[in-house]
């Protein structure tokens, strides 16, 4: 098993390769998480003391970030809800895609488990809690609304907090106050958040030039999600300061080409892919395995250069996401 030091030196390409296994039908997500994991894993370090993930979702991306590796046969689509008309985007329908758990689906094919764990994973959906529990990366899982008081978490209980999904929260000021409350004095809080500049780069902005319904079906609610909490660097610093957090380190990441690929990606094709996927699962398992390997290899071939940020930096592409390392 690799050491913590080895994992901290994992490249973006290595993360991408591991993430394409569970997210193979949504390769743009694997690319995004590869960039996030590369920086966040180093910022979190060995996570000494008590640790909390504030917004765990189903734990899949976190499992890989902490050094875990899934077997080729595993993916996140075995219990996905979808319908053939999903090409017409609906906020209710889209939010339900992953809100199912297959009966008896407690086993996950794993090549390597992570040596690191969070003491607590905070989720806000029952399905996320059930799926995250399969991965062994949380000693305890708490399910509660992040927009209200985190009553299940004690004052000054954590040395380290990882908050990957703050931009989804409506009451962000309230959640930050709760994060400060449960963080020990001098404790570390690592998070990633969007810059306001990202909004100008999204296809959503074409809604006044093109058919707005077509743009809506392509955008699939992403502009609304990101714009909810997008801020400039100075606005983020002010928000954190007002919450009682001190910026210890800041770094921008996610160059524009990466963000542009992720903006739409293969999301609009998801219902078609799910139809193909479930049809293949009813047939020969060897055929599905062969096709998945070919798909993953092809996606890696075309996405791996987007893990090499040096050429994008030389070209002067802006980076539109922030990583903050904060302390109480």
C-alpha atoms as a PDB file:
ATOM      1  CA  UNK A   1       0.000   0.000   0.000  1.00  0.00           C
ATOM      2  CA  UNK A   2       1.306   3.459  -0.827  1.00  0.00           C
ATOM      3  CA  UNK A   3       2.282   5.861   1.921  1.00  0.00           C
ATOM      4  CA  UNK A   4       0.655   9.211   2.655  1.00  0.00           C
ATOM      5  CA  UNK A   5       3.663  10.941   1.108  1.00  0.00           C
ATOM      6  CA  UNK A   6       3.254   8.927  -2.092  1.00  0.00           C
ATOM      7  CA  UNK A   7      -0.404   9.869  -2.342  1.00  0.00           C
ATOM      8  CA  UNK A   8       0.324  13.527  -1.806  1.00  0.00           C
ATOM      9  CA  UNK A   9       2.588  13.358  -4.858  1.00  0.00           C
ATOM     10  CA  UNK A  10      -0.067  11.757  -7.073  1.00  0.00           C
ATOM     11  CA  UNK A  11      -0.288  13.674 -10.355  1.00  0.00           C
ATOM     12  CA  UNK A  12      -3.432  15.096 -11.901  1.00  0.00           C
ATOM     13  CA  UNK A  13      -3.131  12.442 -14.623  1.00  0.00           C
ATOM     14  CA  UNK A  14      -3.002   9.684 -12.006  1.00  0.00           C
ATOM     15  CA  UNK A  15      -6.092  11.062 -10.312  1.00  0.00           C
ATOM     16  CA  UNK A  16      -7.861  11.313 -13.666  1.00  0.00           C
ATOM     17  CA  UNK A  17      -7.097   7.677 -14.450  1.00  0.00           C
ATOM     18  CA  UNK A  18      -8.488   6.524 -11.110  1.00  0.00           C
ATOM     19  CA  UNK A  19     -11.540   8.778 -11.316  1.00  0.00           C
ATOM     20  CA  UNK A  20     -12.518   7.676 -14.824  1.00  0.00           C
ATOM     21  CA  UNK A  21     -13.339   4.224 -13.456  1.00  0.00           C
ATOM     22  CA  UNK A  22     -16.302   5.321 -11.298  1.00  0.00           C
ATOM     23  CA  UNK A  23     -17.261   8.335 -13.465  1.00  0.00           C
ATOM     24  CA  UNK A  24     -16.662   6.851 -16.922  1.00  0.00           C
ATOM     25  CA  UNK A  25     -19.970   8.055 -18.401  1.00  0.00           C
ATOM     26  CA  UNK A  26     -19.306  11.581 -17.114  1.00  0.00           C
ATOM     27  CA  UNK A  27     -15.592  12.040 -17.941  1.00  0.00           C
ATOM     28  CA  UNK A  28     -15.827  15.826 -17.498  1.00  0.00           C
ATOM     29  CA  UNK A  29     -16.554  15.185 -13.809  1.00  0.00           C
ATOM     30  CA  UNK A  30     -13.483  12.962 -13.533  1.00  0.00           C
ATOM     31  CA  UNK A  31     -11.360  15.748 -15.041  1.00  0.00           C
ATOM     32  CA  UNK A  32     -12.754  18.330 -12.620  1.00  0.00           C
ATOM     33  CA  UNK A  33     -12.198  16.108  -9.584  1.00  0.00           C
ATOM     34  CA  UNK A  34      -8.647  15.312 -10.736  1.00  0.00           C
ATOM     35  CA  UNK A  35      -7.693  18.987 -10.572  1.00  0.00           C
ATOM     36  CA  UNK A  36      -9.482  19.416  -7.256  1.00  0.00           C
ATOM     37  CA  UNK A  37      -7.966  16.296  -5.679  1.00  0.00           C
ATOM     38  CA  UNK A  38      -4.422  17.234  -6.705  1.00  0.00           C
ATOM     39  CA  UNK A  39      -4.530  20.507  -4.763  1.00  0.00           C
ATOM     40  CA  UNK A  40      -6.859  19.555  -1.924  1.00  0.00           C
ATOM     41  CA  UNK A  41      -4.968  16.393  -0.985  1.00  0.00           C
ATOM     42  CA  UNK A  42      -1.761  18.371  -0.540  1.00  0.00           C
ATOM     43  CA  UNK A  43      -3.525  21.162   1.366  1.00  0.00           C
ATOM     44  CA  UNK A  44      -5.171  18.696   3.742  1.00  0.00           C
ATOM     45  CA  UNK A  45      -1.938  16.823   4.356  1.00  0.00           C
ATOM     46  CA  UNK A  46      -1.993  13.857   6.759  1.00  0.00           C
ATOM     47  CA  UNK A  47      -5.168  15.190   8.480  1.00  0.00           C
ATOM     48  CA  UNK A  48      -3.746  14.837  11.976  1.00  0.00           C
ATOM     49  CA  UNK A  49      -6.238  15.070  14.806  1.00  0.00           C
ATOM     50  CA  UNK A  50      -9.986  14.935  14.272  1.00  0.00           C
ATOM     51  CA  UNK A  51     -11.218  15.623  10.739  1.00  0.00           C
ATOM     52  CA  UNK A  52     -14.532  16.471   9.075  1.00  0.00           C
ATOM     53  CA  UNK A  53     -15.692  16.514   5.463  1.00  0.00           C
ATOM     54  CA  UNK A  54     -18.359  19.200   5.243  1.00  0.00           C
ATOM     55  CA  UNK A  55     -20.456  18.102   2.274  1.00  0.00           C
ATOM     56  CA  UNK A  56     -19.446  14.528   1.459  1.00  0.00           C
ATOM     57  CA  UNK A  57     -22.001  13.626  -1.232  1.00  0.00           C
ATOM     58  CA  UNK A  58     -21.615   9.885  -1.897  1.00  0.00           C
ATOM     59  CA  UNK A  59     -17.899   9.882  -1.036  1.00  0.00           C
ATOM     60  CA  UNK A  60     -16.695   8.576  -4.414  1.00  0.00           C
ATOM     61  CA  UNK A  61     -14.447  11.506  -5.346  1.00  0.00           C
ATOM     62  CA  UNK A  62     -13.172  11.780  -1.768  1.00  0.00           C
ATOM     63  CA  UNK A  63     -12.284   8.075  -1.725  1.00  0.00           C
ATOM     64  CA  UNK A  64     -10.026   8.583  -4.744  1.00  0.00           C
ATOM     65  CA  UNK A  65      -8.603  11.851  -3.381  1.00  0.00           C
ATOM     66  CA  UNK A  66      -7.524  10.028  -0.216  1.00  0.00           C
ATOM     67  CA  UNK A  67      -5.658   7.410  -2.242  1.00  0.00           C
ATOM     68  CA  UNK A  68      -8.333   4.786  -2.826  1.00  0.00           C
ATOM     69  CA  UNK A  69      -8.724   2.932  -6.103  1.00  0.00           C
ATOM     70  CA  UNK A  70     -11.807   1.172  -7.453  1.00  0.00           C
ATOM     71  CA  UNK A  71     -11.801  -2.048  -9.445  1.00  0.00           C
ATOM     72  CA  UNK A  72     -12.585  -1.622 -13.163  1.00  0.00           C
ATOM     73  CA  UNK A  73     -16.061  -3.148 -12.746  1.00  0.00           C
ATOM     74  CA  UNK A  74     -17.235  -0.458 -10.300  1.00  0.00           C
ATOM     75  CA  UNK A  75     -19.053   2.718 -11.297  1.00  0.00           C
ATOM     76  CA  UNK A  76     -21.629   5.086  -9.808  1.00  0.00           C
ATOM     77  CA  UNK A  77     -24.367   4.292 -12.338  1.00  0.00           C
ATOM     78  CA  UNK A  78     -25.673   0.971 -11.034  1.00  0.00           C
ATOM     79  CA  UNK A  79     -28.468   2.702  -9.112  1.00  0.00           C
ATOM     80  CA  UNK A  80     -29.220   5.830 -11.101  1.00  0.00           C
ATOM     81  CA  UNK A  81     -32.752   7.014 -11.845  1.00  0.00           C
ATOM     82  CA  UNK A  82     -33.338   8.312 -15.367  1.00  0.00           C
ATOM     83  CA  UNK A  83     -35.889   8.436 -18.171  1.00  0.00           C
ATOM     84  CA  UNK A  84     -35.685   8.611 -21.943  1.00  0.00           C
ATOM     85  CA  UNK A  85     -36.951  12.209 -22.081  1.00  0.00           C
ATOM     86  CA  UNK A  86     -34.187  13.531 -19.822  1.00  0.00           C
ATOM     87  CA  UNK A  87     -32.760  15.450 -22.739  1.00  0.00           C
ATOM     88  CA  UNK A  88     -35.350  18.083 -21.737  1.00  0.00           C
ATOM     89  CA  UNK A  89     -33.778  19.409 -18.580  1.00  0.00           C
ATOM     90  CA  UNK A  90     -35.878  19.619 -15.430  1.00  0.00           C
ATOM     91  CA  UNK A  91     -34.395  20.724 -12.114  1.00  0.00           C
ATOM     92  CA  UNK A  92     -36.451  18.160 -10.184  1.00  0.00           C
ATOM     93  CA  UNK A  93     -35.539  15.293 -12.466  1.00  0.00           C
ATOM     94  CA  UNK A  94     -31.843  16.189 -12.660  1.00  0.00           C
ATOM     95  CA  UNK A  95     -31.561  16.367  -8.882  1.00  0.00           C
ATOM     96  CA  UNK A  96     -32.963  12.821  -8.638  1.00  0.00           C
ATOM     97  CA  UNK A  97     -30.475  11.117 -10.977  1.00  0.00           C
ATOM     98  CA  UNK A  98     -28.363   9.629  -8.191  1.00  0.00           C
ATOM     99  CA  UNK A  99     -30.998   9.599  -5.441  1.00  0.00           C
ATOM    100  CA  UNK A 100     -31.498   5.855  -5.449  1.00  0.00           C
ATOM    101  CA  UNK A 101     -29.791   2.999  -3.657  1.00  0.00           C
ATOM    102  CA  UNK A 102     -30.019  -0.518  -5.012  1.00  0.00           C
ATOM    103  CA  UNK A 103     -31.203  -3.175  -2.554  1.00  0.00           C
ATOM    104  CA  UNK A 104     -28.226  -5.122  -1.286  1.00  0.00           C
ATOM    105  CA  UNK A 105     -25.827  -2.669  -2.928  1.00  0.00           C
ATOM    106  CA  UNK A 106     -23.456  -2.529   0.016  1.00  0.00           C
ATOM    107  CA  UNK A 107     -20.465  -4.119  -1.700  1.00  0.00           C
ATOM    108  CA  UNK A 108     -18.042  -2.004  -3.712  1.00  0.00           C
ATOM    109  CA  UNK A 109     -15.247  -3.504  -5.802  1.00  0.00           C
ATOM    110  CA  UNK A 110     -12.048  -1.920  -4.468  1.00  0.00           C
ATOM    111  CA  UNK A 111      -8.433  -2.446  -5.476  1.00  0.00           C
ATOM    112  CA  UNK A 112      -6.921  -0.276  -2.749  1.00  0.00           C
ATOM    113  CA  UNK A 113      -8.448   1.358   0.281  1.00  0.00           C
ATOM    114  CA  UNK A 114      -7.239   4.684   1.569  1.00  0.00           C
ATOM    115  CA  UNK A 115      -4.944   4.855   4.569  1.00  0.00           C
ATOM    116  CA  UNK A 116      -6.560   8.164   5.528  1.00  0.00           C
ATOM    117  CA  UNK A 117     -10.058   8.581   6.937  1.00  0.00           C
ATOM    118  CA  UNK A 118     -12.285  11.424   8.017  1.00  0.00           C
ATOM    119  CA  UNK A 119     -13.618  11.092  11.528  1.00  0.00           C
ATOM    120  CA  UNK A 120     -16.922  12.529  10.297  1.00  0.00           C
ATOM    121  CA  UNK A 121     -18.593  12.914   6.936  1.00  0.00           C
ATOM    122  CA  UNK A 122     -21.507  15.345   6.835  1.00  0.00           C
ATOM    123  CA  UNK A 123     -24.093  14.658   4.126  1.00  0.00           C
ATOM    124  CA  UNK A 124     -27.531  16.103   3.477  1.00  0.00           C
ATOM    125  CA  UNK A 125     -29.251  13.246   1.642  1.00  0.00           C
ATOM    126  CA  UNK A 126     -30.133   9.766   2.893  1.00  0.00           C
ATOM    127  CA  UNK A 127     -28.932   8.212  -0.349  1.00  0.00           C
ATOM    128  CA  UNK A 128     -25.553   9.917  -0.019  1.00  0.00           C
ATOM    129  CA  UNK A 129     -25.230   8.586   3.525  1.00  0.00           C
ATOM    130  CA  UNK A 130     -25.982   5.024   2.429  1.00  0.00           C
ATOM    131  CA  UNK A 131     -23.568   5.124  -0.492  1.00  0.00           C
ATOM    132  CA  UNK A 132     -20.772   6.848   1.423  1.00  0.00           C
ATOM    133  CA  UNK A 133     -20.982   4.259   4.182  1.00  0.00           C
ATOM    134  CA  UNK A 134     -19.812   1.565   1.721  1.00  0.00           C
ATOM    135  CA  UNK A 135     -16.395   3.137   1.202  1.00  0.00           C
ATOM    136  CA  UNK A 136     -14.889   3.051   4.690  1.00  0.00           C
ATOM    137  CA  UNK A 137     -13.528   6.601   4.573  1.00  0.00           C
ATOM    138  CA  UNK A 138     -15.764   8.020   7.324  1.00  0.00           C
ATOM    139  CA  UNK A 139     -15.735   6.696  10.879  1.00  0.00           C
ATOM    140  CA  UNK A 140     -19.079   8.410  11.397  1.00  0.00           C
ATOM    141  CA  UNK A 141     -21.629   9.837   8.937  1.00  0.00           C
ATOM    142  CA  UNK A 142     -23.973  12.658   9.938  1.00  0.00           C
ATOM    143  CA  UNK A 143     -26.975  13.541   7.793  1.00  0.00           C
ATOM    144  CA  UNK A 144     -28.363  17.047   8.321  1.00  0.00           C
ATOM    145  CA  UNK A 145     -29.359  20.216   6.471  1.00  0.00           C
ATOM    146  CA  UNK A 146     -26.228  22.369   5.926  1.00  0.00           C
ATOM    147  CA  UNK A 147     -28.376  25.508   5.792  1.00  0.00           C
ATOM    148  CA  UNK A 148     -29.272  25.206   9.462  1.00  0.00           C
ATOM    149  CA  UNK A 149     -27.420  24.633  12.754  1.00  0.00           C
ATOM    150  CA  UNK A 150     -25.207  21.535  12.709  1.00  0.00           C
ATOM    151  CA  UNK A 151     -26.586  20.346  16.023  1.00  0.00           C
ATOM    152  CA  UNK A 152     -24.980  16.909  15.791  1.00  0.00           C
ATOM    153  CA  UNK A 153     -21.463  18.454  15.757  1.00  0.00           C
ATOM    154  CA  UNK A 154     -19.775  19.614  18.963  1.00  0.00           C
ATOM    155  CA  UNK A 155     -18.021  22.937  19.566  1.00  0.00           C
ATOM    156  CA  UNK A 156     -14.281  23.072  18.795  1.00  0.00           C
ATOM    157  CA  UNK A 157     -14.188  19.363  17.969  1.00  0.00           C
ATOM    158  CA  UNK A 158     -12.204  19.251  14.718  1.00  0.00           C
ATOM    159  CA  UNK A 159      -8.588  19.964  13.821  1.00  0.00           C
ATOM    160  CA  UNK A 160      -9.204  19.779  10.066  1.00  0.00           C
ATOM    161  CA  UNK A 161     -12.238  20.431   7.843  1.00  0.00           C
ATOM    162  CA  UNK A 162     -12.572  19.791   4.102  1.00  0.00           C
ATOM    163  CA  UNK A 163     -15.450  21.692   2.466  1.00  0.00           C
ATOM    164  CA  UNK A 164     -15.676  20.846  -1.268  1.00  0.00           C
ATOM    165  CA  UNK A 165     -19.273  21.911  -1.940  1.00  0.00           C
ATOM    166  CA  UNK A 166     -19.812  25.280  -0.254  1.00  0.00           C
ATOM    167  CA  UNK A 167     -21.093  26.884  -3.456  1.00  0.00           C
ATOM    168  CA  UNK A 168     -24.191  24.667  -3.338  1.00  0.00           C
ATOM    169  CA  UNK A 169     -25.290  26.151   0.004  1.00  0.00           C
ATOM    170  CA  UNK A 170     -27.954  28.857   0.188  1.00  0.00           C
ATOM    171  CA  UNK A 171     -27.105  30.041   3.713  1.00  0.00           C
ATOM    172  CA  UNK A 172     -23.347  30.121   3.242  1.00  0.00           C
ATOM    173  CA  UNK A 173     -22.732  32.740   5.937  1.00  0.00           C
ATOM    174  CA  UNK A 174     -24.556  30.542   8.437  1.00  0.00           C
ATOM    175  CA  UNK A 175     -22.630  27.429   7.426  1.00  0.00           C
ATOM    176  CA  UNK A 176     -19.311  29.245   7.773  1.00  0.00           C
ATOM    177  CA  UNK A 177     -20.273  30.335  11.276  1.00  0.00           C
ATOM    178  CA  UNK A 178     -21.039  26.703  12.090  1.00  0.00           C
ATOM    179  CA  UNK A 179     -17.701  25.621  10.596  1.00  0.00           C
ATOM    180  CA  UNK A 180     -15.900  28.115  12.831  1.00  0.00           C
ATOM    181  CA  UNK A 181     -17.872  26.855  15.836  1.00  0.00           C
ATOM    182  CA  UNK A 182     -16.877  23.203  15.342  1.00  0.00           C
ATOM    183  CA  UNK A 183     -13.255  23.974  14.346  1.00  0.00           C
ATOM    184  CA  UNK A 184     -10.633  24.063  17.079  1.00  0.00           C
ATOM    185  CA  UNK A 185      -8.719  27.342  17.544  1.00  0.00           C
ATOM    186  CA  UNK A 186      -5.867  27.241  15.023  1.00  0.00           C
ATOM    187  CA  UNK A 187      -7.545  24.389  13.158  1.00  0.00           C
ATOM    188  CA  UNK A 188      -7.368  24.050   9.345  1.00  0.00           C
ATOM    189  CA  UNK A 189     -10.306  24.574   6.974  1.00  0.00           C
ATOM    190  CA  UNK A 190      -9.667  23.757   3.290  1.00  0.00           C
ATOM    191  CA  UNK A 191     -12.261  24.622   0.656  1.00  0.00           C
ATOM    192  CA  UNK A 192     -12.681  25.234  -3.088  1.00  0.00           C
ATOM    193  CA  UNK A 193     -15.030  27.913  -4.435  1.00  0.00           C
ATOM    194  CA  UNK A 194     -15.861  29.599  -7.785  1.00  0.00           C
ATOM    195  CA  UNK A 195     -14.649  32.981  -8.953  1.00  0.00           C
ATOM    196  CA  UNK A 196     -17.209  35.354 -10.418  1.00  0.00           C
ATOM    197  CA  UNK A 197     -15.177  35.406 -13.661  1.00  0.00           C
ATOM    198  CA  UNK A 198     -16.256  31.811 -14.340  1.00  0.00           C
ATOM    199  CA  UNK A 199     -19.804  32.949 -15.046  1.00  0.00           C
ATOM    200  CA  UNK A 200     -18.769  34.955 -18.124  1.00  0.00           C
ATOM    201  CA  UNK A 201     -17.212  31.818 -19.641  1.00  0.00           C
ATOM    202  CA  UNK A 202     -20.327  29.642 -19.537  1.00  0.00           C
ATOM    203  CA  UNK A 203     -22.475  28.658 -22.506  1.00  0.00           C
ATOM    204  CA  UNK A 204     -25.490  29.910 -20.539  1.00  0.00           C
ATOM    205  CA  UNK A 205     -24.588  33.435 -21.629  1.00  0.00           C
ATOM    206  CA  UNK A 206     -25.691  32.608 -25.179  1.00  0.00           C
ATOM    207  CA  UNK A 207     -29.333  32.418 -24.076  1.00  0.00           C
ATOM    208  CA  UNK A 208     -29.988  35.921 -25.456  1.00  0.00           C
ATOM    209  CA  UNK A 209     -28.442  35.047 -28.829  1.00  0.00           C
ATOM    210  CA  UNK A 210     -29.635  31.475 -29.326  1.00  0.00           C
ATOM    211  CA  UNK A 211     -32.757  29.457 -28.530  1.00  0.00           C
ATOM    212  CA  UNK A 212     -33.035  29.804 -24.715  1.00  0.00           C
ATOM    213  CA  UNK A 213     -34.681  26.377 -24.363  1.00  0.00           C
ATOM    214  CA  UNK A 214     -31.768  24.753 -26.186  1.00  0.00           C
ATOM    215  CA  UNK A 215     -29.308  26.571 -23.912  1.00  0.00           C
ATOM    216  CA  UNK A 216     -31.298  25.495 -20.851  1.00  0.00           C
ATOM    217  CA  UNK A 217     -31.146  21.848 -21.943  1.00  0.00           C
ATOM    218  CA  UNK A 218     -27.393  22.145 -22.467  1.00  0.00           C
ATOM    219  CA  UNK A 219     -26.659  24.110 -19.295  1.00  0.00           C
ATOM    220  CA  UNK A 220     -28.747  21.791 -17.070  1.00  0.00           C
ATOM    221  CA  UNK A 221     -28.776  24.185 -14.125  1.00  0.00           C
ATOM    222  CA  UNK A 222     -25.011  24.626 -13.835  1.00  0.00           C
ATOM    223  CA  UNK A 223     -25.075  28.412 -14.243  1.00  0.00           C
ATOM    224  CA  UNK A 224     -27.646  28.717 -11.473  1.00  0.00           C
ATOM    225  CA  UNK A 225     -25.629  26.457  -9.166  1.00  0.00           C
ATOM    226  CA  UNK A 226     -22.340  28.273  -9.685  1.00  0.00           C
ATOM    227  CA  UNK A 227     -23.770  31.800  -9.704  1.00  0.00           C
ATOM    228  CA  UNK A 228     -25.425  31.152  -6.332  1.00  0.00           C
ATOM    229  CA  UNK A 229     -22.130  31.779  -4.537  1.00  0.00           C
ATOM    230  CA  UNK A 230     -19.576  32.924  -7.168  1.00  0.00           C
ATOM    231  CA  UNK A 231     -17.388  35.775  -5.834  1.00  0.00           C
ATOM    232  CA  UNK A 232     -14.206  37.657  -6.621  1.00  0.00           C
ATOM    233  CA  UNK A 233     -11.083  36.902  -4.627  1.00  0.00           C
ATOM    234  CA  UNK A 234     -11.573  40.000  -2.480  1.00  0.00           C
ATOM    235  CA  UNK A 235     -15.229  39.135  -1.869  1.00  0.00           C
ATOM    236  CA  UNK A 236     -14.277  35.646  -0.736  1.00  0.00           C
ATOM    237  CA  UNK A 237     -11.598  36.984   1.594  1.00  0.00           C
ATOM    238  CA  UNK A 238     -14.067  39.433   3.114  1.00  0.00           C
ATOM    239  CA  UNK A 239     -16.671  36.697   3.597  1.00  0.00           C
ATOM    240  CA  UNK A 240     -14.179  34.424   5.352  1.00  0.00           C
ATOM    241  CA  UNK A 241     -12.825  37.243   7.514  1.00  0.00           C
ATOM    242  CA  UNK A 242     -16.320  38.241   8.622  1.00  0.00           C
ATOM    243  CA  UNK A 243     -16.971  34.616   9.569  1.00  0.00           C
ATOM    244  CA  UNK A 244     -13.898  34.519  11.812  1.00  0.00           C
ATOM    245  CA  UNK A 245     -11.552  32.695   9.453  1.00  0.00           C
ATOM    246  CA  UNK A 246      -8.030  33.746   8.522  1.00  0.00           C
ATOM    247  CA  UNK A 247      -6.627  33.063   5.046  1.00  0.00           C
ATOM    248  CA  UNK A 248      -3.401  31.099   5.472  1.00  0.00           C
ATOM    249  CA  UNK A 249      -2.928  30.191   1.821  1.00  0.00           C
ATOM    250  CA  UNK A 250      -4.730  30.824  -1.450  1.00  0.00           C
ATOM    251  CA  UNK A 251      -4.298  29.326  -4.904  1.00  0.00           C
ATOM    252  CA  UNK A 252      -6.268  29.540  -8.119  1.00  0.00           C
ATOM    253  CA  UNK A 253      -6.866  26.444 -10.217  1.00  0.00           C
ATOM    254  CA  UNK A 254      -9.069  25.060 -13.003  1.00  0.00           C
ATOM    255  CA  UNK A 255      -7.742  26.814 -16.151  1.00  0.00           C
ATOM    256  CA  UNK A 256     -10.351  28.087 -18.589  1.00  0.00           C
ATOM    257  CA  UNK A 257     -10.006  25.168 -21.090  1.00  0.00           C
ATOM    258  CA  UNK A 258     -10.711  22.697 -18.276  1.00  0.00           C
ATOM    259  CA  UNK A 259     -13.676  24.722 -17.054  1.00  0.00           C
ATOM    260  CA  UNK A 260     -15.034  25.070 -20.602  1.00  0.00           C
ATOM    261  CA  UNK A 261     -14.856  21.310 -21.196  1.00  0.00           C
ATOM    262  CA  UNK A 262     -16.651  20.727 -17.905  1.00  0.00           C
ATOM    263  CA  UNK A 263     -19.308  23.361 -18.574  1.00  0.00           C
ATOM    264  CA  UNK A 264     -21.323  21.029 -20.804  1.00  0.00           C
ATOM    265  CA  UNK A 265     -19.297  17.853 -21.207  1.00  0.00           C
ATOM    266  CA  UNK A 266     -21.375  14.767 -21.938  1.00  0.00           C
ATOM    267  CA  UNK A 267     -24.219  15.698 -19.547  1.00  0.00           C
ATOM    268  CA  UNK A 268     -26.887  16.179 -22.261  1.00  0.00           C
ATOM    269  CA  UNK A 269     -26.172  12.656 -23.559  1.00  0.00           C
ATOM    270  CA  UNK A 270     -26.584  11.040 -20.138  1.00  0.00           C
ATOM    271  CA  UNK A 271     -30.026   9.449 -20.717  1.00  0.00           C
ATOM    272  CA  UNK A 272     -28.810   7.859 -23.960  1.00  0.00           C
ATOM    273  CA  UNK A 273     -25.653   6.591 -22.269  1.00  0.00           C
ATOM    274  CA  UNK A 274     -27.722   5.142 -19.424  1.00  0.00           C
ATOM    275  CA  UNK A 275     -29.940   3.314 -21.925  1.00  0.00           C
ATOM    276  CA  UNK A 276     -26.845   1.823 -23.596  1.00  0.00           C
ATOM    277  CA  UNK A 277     -25.298   1.068 -20.191  1.00  0.00           C
ATOM    278  CA  UNK A 278     -28.309  -0.809 -18.820  1.00  0.00           C
ATOM    279  CA  UNK A 279     -28.768  -2.697 -22.091  1.00  0.00           C
ATOM    280  CA  UNK A 280     -25.144  -3.833 -21.956  1.00  0.00           C
ATOM    281  CA  UNK A 281     -25.488  -4.858 -18.300  1.00  0.00           C
ATOM    282  CA  UNK A 282     -28.265  -7.264 -19.278  1.00  0.00           C
ATOM    283  CA  UNK A 283     -25.976  -8.940 -21.779  1.00  0.00           C
ATOM    284  CA  UNK A 284     -22.495 -10.414 -21.586  1.00  0.00           C
ATOM    285  CA  UNK A 285     -20.449  -8.915 -18.732  1.00  0.00           C
ATOM    286  CA  UNK A 286     -17.322  -9.332 -20.826  1.00  0.00           C
ATOM    287  CA  UNK A 287     -18.760  -7.066 -23.530  1.00  0.00           C
ATOM    288  CA  UNK A 288     -19.489  -4.317 -21.001  1.00  0.00           C
ATOM    289  CA  UNK A 289     -16.009  -4.643 -19.499  1.00  0.00           C
ATOM    290  CA  UNK A 290     -14.388  -4.463 -22.937  1.00  0.00           C
ATOM    291  CA  UNK A 291     -16.394  -1.424 -24.014  1.00  0.00           C
ATOM    292  CA  UNK A 292     -15.814   0.350 -20.708  1.00  0.00           C
ATOM    293  CA  UNK A 293     -12.052  -0.198 -20.949  1.00  0.00           C
ATOM    294  CA  UNK A 294     -12.017   1.165 -24.493  1.00  0.00           C
ATOM    295  CA  UNK A 295     -14.141   4.148 -23.417  1.00  0.00           C
ATOM    296  CA  UNK A 296     -11.927   4.936 -20.406  1.00  0.00           C
ATOM    297  CA  UNK A 297      -8.726   4.584 -22.448  1.00  0.00           C
ATOM    298  CA  UNK A 298     -10.118   6.919 -25.123  1.00  0.00           C
ATOM    299  CA  UNK A 299     -11.312   9.503 -22.600  1.00  0.00           C
ATOM    300  CA  UNK A 300      -7.949   9.433 -20.872  1.00  0.00           C
ATOM    301  CA  UNK A 301      -6.148   9.945 -24.188  1.00  0.00           C
ATOM    302  CA  UNK A 302      -8.104  13.131 -24.920  1.00  0.00           C
ATOM    303  CA  UNK A 303      -8.423  14.500 -21.369  1.00  0.00           C
ATOM    304  CA  UNK A 304      -4.939  13.805 -19.980  1.00  0.00           C
ATOM    305  CA  UNK A 305      -3.363  16.846 -21.733  1.00  0.00           C
ATOM    306  CA  UNK A 306      -5.885  18.981 -19.815  1.00  0.00           C
ATOM    307  CA  UNK A 307      -4.205  17.763 -16.620  1.00  0.00           C
ATOM    308  CA  UNK A 308      -0.924  19.381 -17.691  1.00  0.00           C
ATOM    309  CA  UNK A 309      -1.394  22.970 -16.570  1.00  0.00           C
ATOM    310  CA  UNK A 310       2.023  24.265 -17.699  1.00  0.00           C
ATOM    311  CA  UNK A 311       0.993  24.798 -21.339  1.00  0.00           C
ATOM    312  CA  UNK A 312      -2.219  26.511 -20.270  1.00  0.00           C
ATOM    313  CA  UNK A 313      -0.289  28.800 -17.945  1.00  0.00           C
ATOM    314  CA  UNK A 314       2.145  29.678 -20.766  1.00  0.00           C
ATOM    315  CA  UNK A 315      -0.840  30.495 -22.972  1.00  0.00           C
ATOM    316  CA  UNK A 316      -2.136  32.858 -20.298  1.00  0.00           C
ATOM    317  CA  UNK A 317      -5.459  31.139 -19.663  1.00  0.00           C
ATOM    318  CA  UNK A 318      -7.118  32.419 -16.473  1.00  0.00           C
ATOM    319  CA  UNK A 319      -7.961  30.046 -13.644  1.00  0.00           C
ATOM    320  CA  UNK A 320     -11.534  30.366 -12.435  1.00  0.00           C
ATOM    321  CA  UNK A 321     -11.694  28.464  -9.149  1.00  0.00           C
ATOM    322  CA  UNK A 322     -10.111  29.184  -5.762  1.00  0.00           C
ATOM    323  CA  UNK A 323      -8.566  26.912  -3.150  1.00  0.00           C
ATOM    324  CA  UNK A 324      -8.361  28.420   0.312  1.00  0.00           C
ATOM    325  CA  UNK A 325      -6.550  27.102   3.350  1.00  0.00           C
ATOM    326  CA  UNK A 326      -8.129  28.889   6.293  1.00  0.00           C
ATOM    327  CA  UNK A 327      -7.728  28.792  10.058  1.00  0.00           C
ATOM    328  CA  UNK A 328      -9.860  29.783  12.994  1.00  0.00           C
END
